[in-house]
Amino acid sequence: MKNIFIFTAMALTLSLTTGCKKDDGNNEPSVPQLQFSVNKVDIELTKTATITFTGTLNPTDKVQIEKAEVLTQKGEIINNTLTFIAKKIGTTKVSIITDKKQERGSFQVTVFSKPLFIDQIAHKADIPYYKTNITEVSEYKKLIEQTITEYNTLLTSIEKHPQYPKDKYKYATQHSTWVEGTRISKGAIQNYSDKKSTIDLAEAKKTYEDLYQYGVVYAHIELMARQAEGYRVKYPTNTEIENLIKTTFDGLYGTLEGNNHFIKSTNEEIVVNFNKIIDIVNKLNTHN
């Protein structure tokens, strides 16, 4: 009789133990899962987003935000709807958990910021032709004074940009042409200063045209060369910028003169290629 009692007690204990175990070996009973309207959602910084779900929410269920600095819940859960405010750029997991820390479902939130508007770099305008058919010395004097002012303004702009490395590409020739233009321009300015009161029409004409071509136009080209090199340094792996520099700033314009040869070709070749560099840089700036 005693043996029968012991056997019965052992069987009862085994039965109770087996009944308490889940088939998957997990001691925690499974909880009904909620179905969210999204698995991932992107929210712009400072904006709100609303997420809905299906399923029955228990009074003790809570929203858990993994990174509270990224996102905050706005208000309570109403009609199976959650609302969040984006606080900081980043990514976080959002879950609904039971009072026993069991997860009933989750989704991912990424907070982003729209890039600030980047001003587009303007195209280089064509360089105007110098004036011709002037018949008065006084008119040439006005043009010379204006040209000197424009030249000095361009020199100031040039000095704001580092000089290109003369050992790269064809910059050495560009530099030589620029130096020669500077020499001619300084000589023309000095000559005008010395003879301003007695200068005749022919000399005034030559002074103006020399100052405009070797001063103003050469300065425009030097400025473009330095700006282009700055863009190449900013985007050193961009071969398009590099190739345009190689074919554009070679200093070979030093053999040209006149509106129809020098300035026309400068606009059609150098300015056009420089603007191609600008287009590339604007596109790169937008994507970075």
C-alpha atoms as a PDB file:
ATOM      1  CA  MET A   1       0.000   0.000   0.000  1.00  0.00           C
ATOM      2  CA  LYS A   2       2.853   2.324   0.852  1.00  0.00           C
ATOM      3  CA  ASN A   3       4.551   1.651  -2.492  1.00  0.00           C
ATOM      4  CA  ILE A   4       1.356   2.419  -4.383  1.00  0.00           C
ATOM      5  CA  PHE A   5       1.055   5.801  -2.624  1.00  0.00           C
ATOM      6  CA  ILE A   6       4.627   6.780  -3.463  1.00  0.00           C
ATOM      7  CA  PHE A   7       4.173   5.809  -7.115  1.00  0.00           C
ATOM      8  CA  THR A   8       0.953   7.812  -7.381  1.00  0.00           C
ATOM      9  CA  ALA A   9       2.561  10.912  -5.842  1.00  0.00           C
ATOM     10  CA  MET A  10       5.498  10.737  -8.242  1.00  0.00           C
ATOM     11  CA  ALA A  11       3.191  10.417 -11.228  1.00  0.00           C
ATOM     12  CA  LEU A  12       1.152  13.408 -10.073  1.00  0.00           C
ATOM     13  CA  THR A  13       4.305  15.533  -9.674  1.00  0.00           C
ATOM     14  CA  LEU A  14       5.529  14.565 -13.130  1.00  0.00           C
ATOM     15  CA  SER A  15       2.158  15.422 -14.636  1.00  0.00           C
ATOM     16  CA  LEU A  16       2.076  18.868 -13.038  1.00  0.00           C
ATOM     17  CA  THR A  17       5.639  19.658 -14.108  1.00  0.00           C
ATOM     18  CA  THR A  18       5.007  18.634 -17.682  1.00  0.00           C
ATOM     19  CA  GLY A  19       1.815  20.657 -17.876  1.00  0.00           C
ATOM     20  CA  CYS A  20       3.536  23.850 -16.820  1.00  0.00           C
ATOM     21  CA  LYS A  21       6.158  23.678 -19.561  1.00  0.00           C
ATOM     22  CA  LYS A  22       5.624  25.206 -22.998  1.00  0.00           C
ATOM     23  CA  ASP A  23       6.370  23.145 -26.048  1.00  0.00           C
ATOM     24  CA  ASP A  24       9.196  25.509 -27.104  1.00  0.00           C
ATOM     25  CA  GLY A  25      10.904  25.318 -23.713  1.00  0.00           C
ATOM     26  CA  ASN A  26      10.241  28.998 -22.879  1.00  0.00           C
ATOM     27  CA  ASN A  27       8.888  29.561 -19.397  1.00  0.00           C
ATOM     28  CA  GLU A  28       7.114  32.770 -20.446  1.00  0.00           C
ATOM     29  CA  PRO A  29       3.770  32.288 -22.153  1.00  0.00           C
ATOM     30  CA  SER A  30       3.504  33.911 -25.611  1.00  0.00           C
ATOM     31  CA  VAL A  31       1.610  37.182 -25.945  1.00  0.00           C
ATOM     32  CA  PRO A  32      -0.650  38.253 -28.814  1.00  0.00           C
ATOM     33  CA  GLN A  33       1.302  40.342 -31.312  1.00  0.00           C
ATOM     34  CA  LEU A  34       0.204  43.758 -32.539  1.00  0.00           C
ATOM     35  CA  GLN A  35       0.432  44.518 -36.258  1.00  0.00           C
ATOM     36  CA  PHE A  36       1.832  47.981 -37.053  1.00  0.00           C
ATOM     37  CA  SER A  37       1.053  49.908 -40.223  1.00  0.00           C
ATOM     38  CA  VAL A  38       4.792  50.171 -40.978  1.00  0.00           C
ATOM     39  CA  ASN A  39       7.998  48.304 -40.267  1.00  0.00           C
ATOM     40  CA  LYS A  40      10.137  51.377 -40.840  1.00  0.00           C
ATOM     41  CA  VAL A  41       9.285  55.052 -40.931  1.00  0.00           C
ATOM     42  CA  ASP A  42      11.291  58.223 -41.666  1.00  0.00           C
ATOM     43  CA  ILE A  43      10.401  61.446 -39.857  1.00  0.00           C
ATOM     44  CA  GLU A  44      11.822  64.868 -40.613  1.00  0.00           C
ATOM     45  CA  LEU A  45      13.451  66.565 -37.647  1.00  0.00           C
ATOM     46  CA  THR A  46      10.923  68.481 -35.454  1.00  0.00           C
ATOM     47  CA  LYS A  47       8.003  66.976 -37.413  1.00  0.00           C
ATOM     48  CA  THR A  48       5.403  64.471 -36.178  1.00  0.00           C
ATOM     49  CA  ALA A  49       4.349  61.080 -37.484  1.00  0.00           C
ATOM     50  CA  THR A  50       1.341  58.911 -36.708  1.00  0.00           C
ATOM     51  CA  ILE A  51       1.508  55.113 -36.632  1.00  0.00           C
ATOM     52  CA  THR A  52      -1.509  52.833 -36.360  1.00  0.00           C
ATOM     53  CA  PHE A  53      -1.745  49.204 -35.335  1.00  0.00           C
ATOM     54  CA  THR A  54      -4.265  46.383 -35.147  1.00  0.00           C
ATOM     55  CA  GLY A  55      -4.814  44.207 -32.124  1.00  0.00           C
ATOM     56  CA  THR A  56      -6.038  44.692 -28.576  1.00  0.00           C
ATOM     57  CA  LEU A  57      -3.912  46.837 -26.306  1.00  0.00           C
ATOM     58  CA  ASN A  58      -3.862  45.906 -22.641  1.00  0.00           C
ATOM     59  CA  PRO A  59      -4.157  48.674 -20.029  1.00  0.00           C
ATOM     60  CA  THR A  60      -0.723  47.765 -18.663  1.00  0.00           C
ATOM     61  CA  ASP A  61       1.048  47.783 -22.050  1.00  0.00           C
ATOM     62  CA  LYS A  62       3.576  50.569 -22.550  1.00  0.00           C
ATOM     63  CA  VAL A  63       5.456  52.209 -25.411  1.00  0.00           C
ATOM     64  CA  GLN A  64       9.211  51.750 -25.189  1.00  0.00           C
ATOM     65  CA  ILE A  65      11.535  54.006 -27.232  1.00  0.00           C
ATOM     66  CA  GLU A  66      15.046  52.618 -27.335  1.00  0.00           C
ATOM     67  CA  LYS A  67      16.708  56.012 -27.831  1.00  0.00           C
ATOM     68  CA  ALA A  68      14.599  58.589 -26.058  1.00  0.00           C
ATOM     69  CA  GLU A  69      16.811  61.431 -27.269  1.00  0.00           C
ATOM     70  CA  VAL A  70      15.790  60.721 -30.882  1.00  0.00           C
ATOM     71  CA  LEU A  71      12.044  60.448 -30.507  1.00  0.00           C
ATOM     72  CA  THR A  72       9.322  61.248 -28.023  1.00  0.00           C
ATOM     73  CA  GLN A  73       5.722  60.099 -27.812  1.00  0.00           C
ATOM     74  CA  LYS A  74       3.069  62.770 -28.168  1.00  0.00           C
ATOM     75  CA  GLY A  75      -0.013  62.198 -26.062  1.00  0.00           C
ATOM     76  CA  GLU A  76      -1.614  58.867 -25.266  1.00  0.00           C
ATOM     77  CA  ILE A  77      -2.527  55.932 -27.483  1.00  0.00           C
ATOM     78  CA  ILE A  78      -5.987  56.657 -28.846  1.00  0.00           C
ATOM     79  CA  ASN A  79      -7.904  54.318 -31.149  1.00  0.00           C
ATOM     80  CA  ASN A  80      -4.819  52.201 -31.779  1.00  0.00           C
ATOM     81  CA  THR A  81      -2.898  55.263 -32.939  1.00  0.00           C
ATOM     82  CA  LEU A  82       0.557  56.396 -31.819  1.00  0.00           C
ATOM     83  CA  THR A  83       1.966  59.872 -32.492  1.00  0.00           C
ATOM     84  CA  PHE A  84       5.649  60.784 -32.214  1.00  0.00           C
ATOM     85  CA  ILE A  85       7.740  63.951 -32.421  1.00  0.00           C
ATOM     86  CA  ALA A  86      11.219  63.781 -33.967  1.00  0.00           C
ATOM     87  CA  LYS A  87      13.755  65.349 -31.605  1.00  0.00           C
ATOM     88  CA  LYS A  88      17.202  64.438 -32.908  1.00  0.00           C
ATOM     89  CA  ILE A  89      18.735  62.960 -36.053  1.00  0.00           C
ATOM     90  CA  GLY A  90      19.209  59.228 -35.604  1.00  0.00           C
ATOM     91  CA  THR A  91      17.533  55.822 -35.673  1.00  0.00           C
ATOM     92  CA  THR A  92      15.673  54.096 -32.871  1.00  0.00           C
ATOM     93  CA  LYS A  93      13.484  51.080 -32.229  1.00  0.00           C
ATOM     94  CA  VAL A  94       9.965  51.591 -30.896  1.00  0.00           C
ATOM     95  CA  SER A  95       8.203  48.711 -29.145  1.00  0.00           C
ATOM     96  CA  ILE A  96       5.054  48.045 -27.197  1.00  0.00           C
ATOM     97  CA  ILE A  97       5.790  45.851 -24.197  1.00  0.00           C
ATOM     98  CA  THR A  98       3.753  44.215 -21.468  1.00  0.00           C
ATOM     99  CA  ASP A  99       4.199  44.826 -17.758  1.00  0.00           C
ATOM    100  CA  LYS A 100       6.365  41.691 -17.804  1.00  0.00           C
ATOM    101  CA  LYS A 101       8.678  43.245 -20.436  1.00  0.00           C
ATOM    102  CA  GLN A 102       7.382  41.031 -23.212  1.00  0.00           C
ATOM    103  CA  GLU A 103       7.410  42.622 -26.662  1.00  0.00           C
ATOM    104  CA  ARG A 104       4.135  42.736 -28.553  1.00  0.00           C
ATOM    105  CA  GLY A 105       5.565  44.288 -31.694  1.00  0.00           C
ATOM    106  CA  SER A 106       8.034  46.909 -32.879  1.00  0.00           C
ATOM    107  CA  PHE A 107       9.082  49.156 -35.753  1.00  0.00           C
ATOM    108  CA  GLN A 108      12.048  51.346 -36.627  1.00  0.00           C
ATOM    109  CA  VAL A 109      12.073  55.139 -36.804  1.00  0.00           C
ATOM    110  CA  THR A 110      14.738  57.222 -38.546  1.00  0.00           C
ATOM    111  CA  VAL A 111      14.830  60.963 -37.925  1.00  0.00           C
ATOM    112  CA  PHE A 112      16.394  62.972 -40.741  1.00  0.00           C
ATOM    113  CA  SER A 113      16.997  66.587 -41.581  1.00  0.00           C
ATOM    114  CA  LYS A 114      16.452  68.110 -44.989  1.00  0.00           C
ATOM    115  CA  PRO A 115      19.714  69.531 -46.352  1.00  0.00           C
ATOM    116  CA  LEU A 116      20.016  73.270 -46.208  1.00  0.00           C
ATOM    117  CA  PHE A 117      19.540  74.998 -49.524  1.00  0.00           C
ATOM    118  CA  ILE A 118      22.895  75.380 -51.207  1.00  0.00           C
ATOM    119  CA  ASP A 119      23.291  78.477 -53.341  1.00  0.00           C
ATOM    120  CA  GLN A 120      24.216  77.596 -56.877  1.00  0.00           C
ATOM    121  CA  ILE A 121      27.478  79.066 -58.129  1.00  0.00           C
ATOM    122  CA  ALA A 122      26.640  81.448 -60.933  1.00  0.00           C
ATOM    123  CA  HIS A 123      28.021  81.024 -64.423  1.00  0.00           C
ATOM    124  CA  LYS A 124      30.791  83.279 -65.601  1.00  0.00           C
ATOM    125  CA  ALA A 125      29.385  85.902 -67.961  1.00  0.00           C
ATOM    126  CA  ASP A 126      31.054  86.526 -71.294  1.00  0.00           C
ATOM    127  CA  ILE A 127      33.801  89.130 -71.157  1.00  0.00           C
ATOM    128  CA  PRO A 128      32.665  92.242 -73.074  1.00  0.00           C
ATOM    129  CA  TYR A 129      34.624  93.456 -76.086  1.00  0.00           C
ATOM    130  CA  TYR A 130      36.632  96.614 -75.681  1.00  0.00           C
ATOM    131  CA  LYS A 131      35.158  99.711 -77.292  1.00  0.00           C
ATOM    132  CA  THR A 132      36.236 100.810 -80.751  1.00  0.00           C
ATOM    133  CA  ASN A 133      35.663 103.795 -83.041  1.00  0.00           C
ATOM    134  CA  ILE A 134      36.409 106.302 -80.295  1.00  0.00           C
ATOM    135  CA  THR A 135      37.332 109.668 -81.789  1.00  0.00           C
ATOM    136  CA  GLU A 136      37.994 111.818 -78.724  1.00  0.00           C
ATOM    137  CA  VAL A 137      40.986 111.670 -76.379  1.00  0.00           C
ATOM    138  CA  SER A 138      38.723 112.678 -73.492  1.00  0.00           C
ATOM    139  CA  GLU A 139      36.537 109.626 -74.128  1.00  0.00           C
ATOM    140  CA  TYR A 140      39.575 107.370 -74.145  1.00  0.00           C
ATOM    141  CA  LYS A 141      40.710 108.887 -70.863  1.00  0.00           C
ATOM    142  CA  LYS A 142      37.384 107.984 -69.265  1.00  0.00           C
ATOM    143  CA  LEU A 143      37.683 104.435 -70.601  1.00  0.00           C
ATOM    144  CA  ILE A 144      41.259 104.136 -69.349  1.00  0.00           C
ATOM    145  CA  GLU A 145      40.253 105.279 -65.855  1.00  0.00           C
ATOM    146  CA  GLN A 146      37.355 102.794 -65.819  1.00  0.00           C
ATOM    147  CA  THR A 147      39.619 100.006 -67.055  1.00  0.00           C
ATOM    148  CA  ILE A 148      42.234 100.687 -64.374  1.00  0.00           C
ATOM    149  CA  THR A 149      39.512 100.533 -61.705  1.00  0.00           C
ATOM    150  CA  GLU A 150      38.159  97.257 -63.101  1.00  0.00           C
ATOM    151  CA  TYR A 151      41.664  95.818 -63.318  1.00  0.00           C
ATOM    152  CA  ASN A 152      42.439  96.672 -59.685  1.00  0.00           C
ATOM    153  CA  THR A 153      39.142  95.133 -58.571  1.00  0.00           C
ATOM    154  CA  LEU A 154      40.015  91.913 -60.391  1.00  0.00           C
ATOM    155  CA  LEU A 155      43.482  91.888 -58.819  1.00  0.00           C
ATOM    156  CA  THR A 156      41.877  92.085 -55.381  1.00  0.00           C
ATOM    157  CA  SER A 157      39.659  89.115 -56.226  1.00  0.00           C
ATOM    158  CA  ILE A 158      42.622  87.132 -57.557  1.00  0.00           C
ATOM    159  CA  GLU A 159      44.600  87.685 -54.358  1.00  0.00           C
ATOM    160  CA  LYS A 160      41.803  86.035 -52.362  1.00  0.00           C
ATOM    161  CA  HIS A 161      42.491  82.707 -54.094  1.00  0.00           C
ATOM    162  CA  PRO A 162      45.641  80.632 -53.602  1.00  0.00           C
ATOM    163  CA  GLN A 163      47.864  80.336 -56.625  1.00  0.00           C
ATOM    164  CA  TYR A 164      47.651  77.060 -58.523  1.00  0.00           C
ATOM    165  CA  PRO A 165      50.683  74.736 -58.388  1.00  0.00           C
ATOM    166  CA  LYS A 166      52.840  75.699 -61.357  1.00  0.00           C
ATOM    167  CA  ASP A 167      54.219  72.155 -61.652  1.00  0.00           C
ATOM    168  CA  LYS A 168      50.797  70.658 -62.425  1.00  0.00           C
ATOM    169  CA  TYR A 169      49.046  70.407 -65.780  1.00  0.00           C
ATOM    170  CA  LYS A 170      49.829  73.451 -67.969  1.00  0.00           C
ATOM    171  CA  TYR A 171      49.696  75.937 -65.118  1.00  0.00           C
ATOM    172  CA  ALA A 172      53.319  76.978 -65.734  1.00  0.00           C
ATOM    173  CA  THR A 173      52.391  78.402 -69.143  1.00  0.00           C
ATOM    174  CA  GLN A 174      49.287  80.033 -67.701  1.00  0.00           C
ATOM    175  CA  HIS A 175      51.424  81.659 -65.027  1.00  0.00           C
ATOM    176  CA  SER A 176      53.989  82.913 -67.557  1.00  0.00           C
ATOM    177  CA  THR A 177      51.268  84.470 -69.702  1.00  0.00           C
ATOM    178  CA  TRP A 178      49.692  86.065 -66.634  1.00  0.00           C
ATOM    179  CA  VAL A 179      53.035  87.519 -65.506  1.00  0.00           C
ATOM    180  CA  GLU A 180      53.654  88.958 -68.971  1.00  0.00           C
ATOM    181  CA  GLY A 181      50.187  90.518 -68.979  1.00  0.00           C
ATOM    182  CA  THR A 182      50.878  92.041 -65.575  1.00  0.00           C
ATOM    183  CA  ARG A 183      54.139  93.539 -66.863  1.00  0.00           C
ATOM    184  CA  ILE A 184      52.438  95.100 -69.892  1.00  0.00           C
ATOM    185  CA  SER A 185      49.540  96.422 -67.789  1.00  0.00           C
ATOM    186  CA  LYS A 186      51.766  98.031 -65.180  1.00  0.00           C
ATOM    187  CA  GLY A 187      53.796  99.654 -67.935  1.00  0.00           C
ATOM    188  CA  ALA A 188      50.644 100.999 -69.595  1.00  0.00           C
ATOM    189  CA  ILE A 189      49.356 102.423 -66.311  1.00  0.00           C
ATOM    190  CA  GLN A 190      52.677 104.083 -65.559  1.00  0.00           C
ATOM    191  CA  ASN A 191      52.941 105.501 -69.085  1.00  0.00           C
ATOM    192  CA  TYR A 192      49.407 106.888 -68.846  1.00  0.00           C
ATOM    193  CA  SER A 193      50.152 108.452 -65.475  1.00  0.00           C
ATOM    194  CA  ASP A 194      53.252 110.152 -66.893  1.00  0.00           C
ATOM    195  CA  LYS A 195      51.612 111.421 -70.103  1.00  0.00           C
ATOM    196  CA  LYS A 196      47.998 111.875 -69.041  1.00  0.00           C
ATOM    197  CA  SER A 197      47.908 115.595 -69.746  1.00  0.00           C
ATOM    198  CA  THR A 198      49.616 115.387 -73.139  1.00  0.00           C
ATOM    199  CA  ILE A 199      48.537 111.979 -74.454  1.00  0.00           C
ATOM    200  CA  ASP A 200      47.355 111.957 -78.063  1.00  0.00           C
ATOM    201  CA  LEU A 201      44.569 109.919 -79.670  1.00  0.00           C
ATOM    202  CA  ALA A 202      46.749 107.089 -81.006  1.00  0.00           C
ATOM    203  CA  GLU A 203      48.577 106.599 -77.723  1.00  0.00           C
ATOM    204  CA  ALA A 204      45.342 106.819 -75.727  1.00  0.00           C
ATOM    205  CA  LYS A 205      43.840 104.155 -77.990  1.00  0.00           C
ATOM    206  CA  LYS A 206      46.817 101.823 -77.509  1.00  0.00           C
ATOM    207  CA  THR A 207      46.870 102.403 -73.744  1.00  0.00           C
ATOM    208  CA  TYR A 208      43.184 101.588 -73.416  1.00  0.00           C
ATOM    209  CA  GLU A 209      43.294  98.479 -75.598  1.00  0.00           C
ATOM    210  CA  ASP A 210      46.467  97.158 -73.945  1.00  0.00           C
ATOM    211  CA  LEU A 211      45.057  97.724 -70.468  1.00  0.00           C
ATOM    212  CA  TYR A 212      41.815  96.023 -71.380  1.00  0.00           C
ATOM    213  CA  GLN A 213      43.353  92.982 -73.063  1.00  0.00           C
ATOM    214  CA  TYR A 214      46.524  92.376 -71.027  1.00  0.00           C
ATOM    215  CA  GLY A 215      45.048  93.708 -67.821  1.00  0.00           C
ATOM    216  CA  VAL A 216      41.321  93.063 -67.538  1.00  0.00           C
ATOM    217  CA  VAL A 217      40.930  90.011 -69.785  1.00  0.00           C
ATOM    218  CA  TYR A 218      44.120  88.332 -68.555  1.00  0.00           C
ATOM    219  CA  ALA A 219      42.941  88.968 -64.990  1.00  0.00           C
ATOM    220  CA  HIS A 220      39.588  87.341 -65.725  1.00  0.00           C
ATOM    221  CA  ILE A 221      41.404  84.262 -67.027  1.00  0.00           C
ATOM    222  CA  GLU A 222      43.794  84.114 -64.065  1.00  0.00           C
ATOM    223  CA  LEU A 223      40.872  84.392 -61.663  1.00  0.00           C
ATOM    224  CA  MET A 224      39.047  81.553 -63.424  1.00  0.00           C
ATOM    225  CA  ALA A 225      42.195  79.418 -63.300  1.00  0.00           C
ATOM    226  CA  ARG A 226      42.582  79.912 -59.556  1.00  0.00           C
ATOM    227  CA  GLN A 227      38.906  79.289 -58.895  1.00  0.00           C
ATOM    228  CA  ALA A 228      39.009  76.127 -61.008  1.00  0.00           C
ATOM    229  CA  GLU A 229      42.004  74.870 -59.047  1.00  0.00           C
ATOM    230  CA  GLY A 230      40.096  75.515 -55.828  1.00  0.00           C
ATOM    231  CA  TYR A 231      37.255  73.340 -57.084  1.00  0.00           C
ATOM    232  CA  ARG A 232      39.734  70.625 -58.091  1.00  0.00           C
ATOM    233  CA  VAL A 233      41.222  70.653 -54.593  1.00  0.00           C
ATOM    234  CA  LYS A 234      37.748  70.384 -53.095  1.00  0.00           C
ATOM    235  CA  TYR A 235      36.886  67.412 -55.317  1.00  0.00           C
ATOM    236  CA  PRO A 236      40.309  65.827 -55.983  1.00  0.00           C
ATOM    237  CA  THR A 237      38.932  62.570 -57.387  1.00  0.00           C
ATOM    238  CA  ASN A 238      36.728  64.202 -60.007  1.00  0.00           C
ATOM    239  CA  THR A 239      38.453  63.606 -63.332  1.00  0.00           C
ATOM    240  CA  GLU A 240      36.015  65.821 -65.265  1.00  0.00           C
ATOM    241  CA  ILE A 241      37.207  68.940 -63.440  1.00  0.00           C
ATOM    242  CA  GLU A 242      40.825  67.876 -63.843  1.00  0.00           C
ATOM    243  CA  ASN A 243      40.492  67.250 -67.582  1.00  0.00           C
ATOM    244  CA  LEU A 244      38.774  70.589 -68.160  1.00  0.00           C
ATOM    245  CA  ILE A 245      41.581  72.375 -66.326  1.00  0.00           C
ATOM    246  CA  LYS A 246      44.181  70.602 -68.463  1.00  0.00           C
ATOM    247  CA  THR A 247      42.539  71.666 -71.723  1.00  0.00           C
ATOM    248  CA  THR A 248      41.530  75.188 -70.666  1.00  0.00           C
ATOM    249  CA  PHE A 249      44.220  76.929 -68.651  1.00  0.00           C
ATOM    250  CA  ASP A 250      47.273  76.474 -70.856  1.00  0.00           C
ATOM    251  CA  GLY A 251      48.244  80.121 -71.351  1.00  0.00           C
ATOM    252  CA  LEU A 252      48.237  79.803 -75.139  1.00  0.00           C
ATOM    253  CA  TYR A 253      45.916  82.783 -75.484  1.00  0.00           C
ATOM    254  CA  GLY A 254      49.017  84.959 -75.115  1.00  0.00           C
ATOM    255  CA  THR A 255      49.515  84.822 -78.888  1.00  0.00           C
ATOM    256  CA  LEU A 256      46.083  86.318 -79.612  1.00  0.00           C
ATOM    257  CA  GLU A 257      44.919  89.930 -79.823  1.00  0.00           C
ATOM    258  CA  GLY A 258      41.772  91.863 -80.646  1.00  0.00           C
ATOM    259  CA  ASN A 259      38.067  91.487 -80.074  1.00  0.00           C
ATOM    260  CA  ASN A 260      37.443  89.011 -82.881  1.00  0.00           C
ATOM    261  CA  HIS A 261      40.383  86.781 -82.088  1.00  0.00           C
ATOM    262  CA  PHE A 262      41.432  87.038 -78.473  1.00  0.00           C
ATOM    263  CA  ILE A 263      38.258  88.000 -76.578  1.00  0.00           C
ATOM    264  CA  LYS A 264      35.955  86.002 -78.854  1.00  0.00           C
ATOM    265  CA  SER A 265      37.987  82.808 -78.405  1.00  0.00           C
ATOM    266  CA  THR A 266      38.293  83.472 -74.665  1.00  0.00           C
ATOM    267  CA  ASN A 267      34.511  83.507 -74.343  1.00  0.00           C
ATOM    268  CA  GLU A 268      33.951  80.538 -76.650  1.00  0.00           C
ATOM    269  CA  GLU A 269      36.606  78.313 -75.104  1.00  0.00           C
ATOM    270  CA  ILE A 270      37.860  79.391 -71.684  1.00  0.00           C
ATOM    271  CA  VAL A 271      34.606  80.829 -70.316  1.00  0.00           C
ATOM    272  CA  VAL A 272      32.549  77.952 -71.745  1.00  0.00           C
ATOM    273  CA  ASN A 273      34.849  75.333 -70.190  1.00  0.00           C
ATOM    274  CA  PHE A 274      34.961  77.185 -66.885  1.00  0.00           C
ATOM    275  CA  ASN A 275      31.160  77.158 -66.791  1.00  0.00           C
ATOM    276  CA  LYS A 276      31.245  73.405 -67.392  1.00  0.00           C
ATOM    277  CA  ILE A 277      33.356  73.154 -64.243  1.00  0.00           C
ATOM    278  CA  ILE A 278      30.784  75.293 -62.417  1.00  0.00           C
ATOM    279  CA  ASP A 279      28.007  72.916 -63.513  1.00  0.00           C
ATOM    280  CA  ILE A 280      29.960  69.922 -62.205  1.00  0.00           C
ATOM    281  CA  VAL A 281      30.671  71.639 -58.884  1.00  0.00           C
ATOM    282  CA  ASN A 282      27.035  72.681 -58.417  1.00  0.00           C
ATOM    283  CA  LYS A 283      25.959  69.088 -58.964  1.00  0.00           C
ATOM    284  CA  LEU A 284      28.587  67.779 -56.543  1.00  0.00           C
ATOM    285  CA  ASN A 285      27.645  70.379 -53.926  1.00  0.00           C
ATOM    286  CA  THR A 286      24.003  69.321 -54.143  1.00  0.00           C
ATOM    287  CA  HIS A 287      24.832  65.678 -53.529  1.00  0.00           C
ATOM    288  CA  ASN A 288      27.165  66.319 -50.600  1.00  0.00           C
END
